[in-house]
C-alpha atoms as a PDB file:
ATOM      1  CA  UNK A   1       0.603  -0.184  -0.252  1.00  0.00           C
ATOM      2  CA  UNK A   2       1.195   3.330  -1.477  1.00  0.00           C
ATOM      3  CA  UNK A   3       1.228   6.543   1.017  1.00  0.00           C
ATOM      4  CA  UNK A   4      -1.436   7.759  -1.452  1.00  0.00           C
ATOM      5  CA  UNK A   5      -3.651   4.932  -0.698  1.00  0.00           C
ATOM      6  CA  UNK A   6      -3.234   4.680   3.163  1.00  0.00           C
ATOM      7  CA  UNK A   7      -4.462   8.110   3.204  1.00  0.00           C
ATOM      8  CA  UNK A   8      -7.500   7.543   1.562  1.00  0.00           C
ATOM      9  CA  UNK A   9      -8.280   4.110   3.465  1.00  0.00           C
ATOM     10  CA  UNK A  10      -7.765   6.656   6.321  1.00  0.00           C
ATOM     11  CA  UNK A  11      -9.539   8.782   5.363  1.00  0.00           C
ATOM     12  CA  UNK A  12     -12.415   6.677   4.583  1.00  0.00           C
ATOM     13  CA  UNK A  13     -12.487   4.416   7.256  1.00  0.00           C
ATOM     14  CA  UNK A  14     -12.513   7.738   9.573  1.00  0.00           C
ATOM     15  CA  UNK A  15     -15.630   8.977   7.977  1.00  0.00           C
ATOM     16  CA  UNK A  16     -16.850   5.665   8.678  1.00  0.00           C
ATOM     17  CA  UNK A  17     -16.231   5.402  12.302  1.00  0.00           C
ATOM     18  CA  UNK A  18     -18.124   9.170  11.944  1.00  0.00           C
ATOM     19  CA  UNK A  19     -21.084   7.123  10.926  1.00  0.00           C
ATOM     20  CA  UNK A  20     -21.681   5.140  12.992  1.00  0.00           C
ATOM     21  CA  UNK A  21     -20.936   6.939  16.164  1.00  0.00           C
ATOM     22  CA  UNK A  22     -23.821   9.209  15.398  1.00  0.00           C
ATOM     23  CA  UNK A  23     -25.847   6.128  15.055  1.00  0.00           C
ATOM     24  CA  UNK A  24     -29.646   7.072  17.655  1.00  0.00           C
ATOM     25  CA  UNK A  25     -28.464   4.239  19.807  1.00  0.00           C
ATOM     26  CA  UNK A  26     -32.301   4.700  21.344  1.00  0.00           C
ATOM     27  CA  UNK A  27     -33.521   2.853  18.044  1.00  0.00           C
ATOM     28  CA  UNK A  28     -30.847  -0.112  18.231  1.00  0.00           C
ATOM     29  CA  UNK A  29     -31.349  -2.775  19.720  1.00  0.00           C
ATOM     30  CA  UNK A  30     -28.907  -4.971  22.205  1.00  0.00           C
ATOM     31  CA  UNK A  31     -27.413  -7.295  19.262  1.00  0.00           C
ATOM     32  CA  UNK A  32     -27.150  -4.322  16.313  1.00  0.00           C
ATOM     33  CA  UNK A  33     -25.236  -2.130  18.620  1.00  0.00           C
ATOM     34  CA  UNK A  34     -23.159  -4.690  19.546  1.00  0.00           C
ATOM     35  CA  UNK A  35     -22.705  -5.462  15.803  1.00  0.00           C
ATOM     36  CA  UNK A  36     -22.140  -1.638  15.126  1.00  0.00           C
ATOM     37  CA  UNK A  37     -19.120  -1.369  18.052  1.00  0.00           C
ATOM     38  CA  UNK A  38     -17.553  -4.429  16.777  1.00  0.00           C
ATOM     39  CA  UNK A  39     -17.389  -2.210  13.462  1.00  0.00           C
ATOM     40  CA  UNK A  40     -16.137   0.710  15.269  1.00  0.00           C
ATOM     41  CA  UNK A  41     -13.264  -1.164  17.366  1.00  0.00           C
ATOM     42  CA  UNK A  42     -12.979  -3.024  13.699  1.00  0.00           C
ATOM     43  CA  UNK A  43     -12.164   0.521  12.314  1.00  0.00           C
ATOM     44  CA  UNK A  44     -10.117   2.433  14.747  1.00  0.00           C
ATOM     45  CA  UNK A  45      -7.697  -0.658  14.485  1.00  0.00           C
ATOM     46  CA  UNK A  46      -7.397  -0.138  11.243  1.00  0.00           C
ATOM     47  CA  UNK A  47      -6.560   2.890  11.221  1.00  0.00           C
ATOM     48  CA  UNK A  48      -4.587   2.639  14.646  1.00  0.00           C
ATOM     49  CA  UNK A  49      -2.663   0.769  12.007  1.00  0.00           C
ATOM     50  CA  UNK A  50      -2.642   3.048   8.921  1.00  0.00           C
ATOM     51  CA  UNK A  51      -1.480   5.699  11.537  1.00  0.00           C
ATOM     52  CA  UNK A  52       1.132   3.707  12.983  1.00  0.00           C
ATOM     53  CA  UNK A  53       3.142   2.674   9.347  1.00  0.00           C
ATOM     54  CA  UNK A  54       2.440   6.204   8.002  1.00  0.00           C
ATOM     55  CA  UNK A  55       4.591   7.178  10.925  1.00  0.00           C
ATOM     56  CA  UNK A  56       7.530   4.988  10.351  1.00  0.00           C
ATOM     57  CA  UNK A  57       7.453   5.779   6.318  1.00  0.00           C
ATOM     58  CA  UNK A  58       8.099   9.588   7.122  1.00  0.00           C
END
């Protein structure tokens, strides 16, 4: 993955995190909340890995 692709992916993942975090939890079932929380966690791990990779490259 080159730097441009990494930055693009980082931006996309951050956008998805914001989208999921802005959902109204009052309208979700417990299971839906768990799925959303897992997805947010996965996206945060991916962004963390990309940031780490980018900091090593520079």
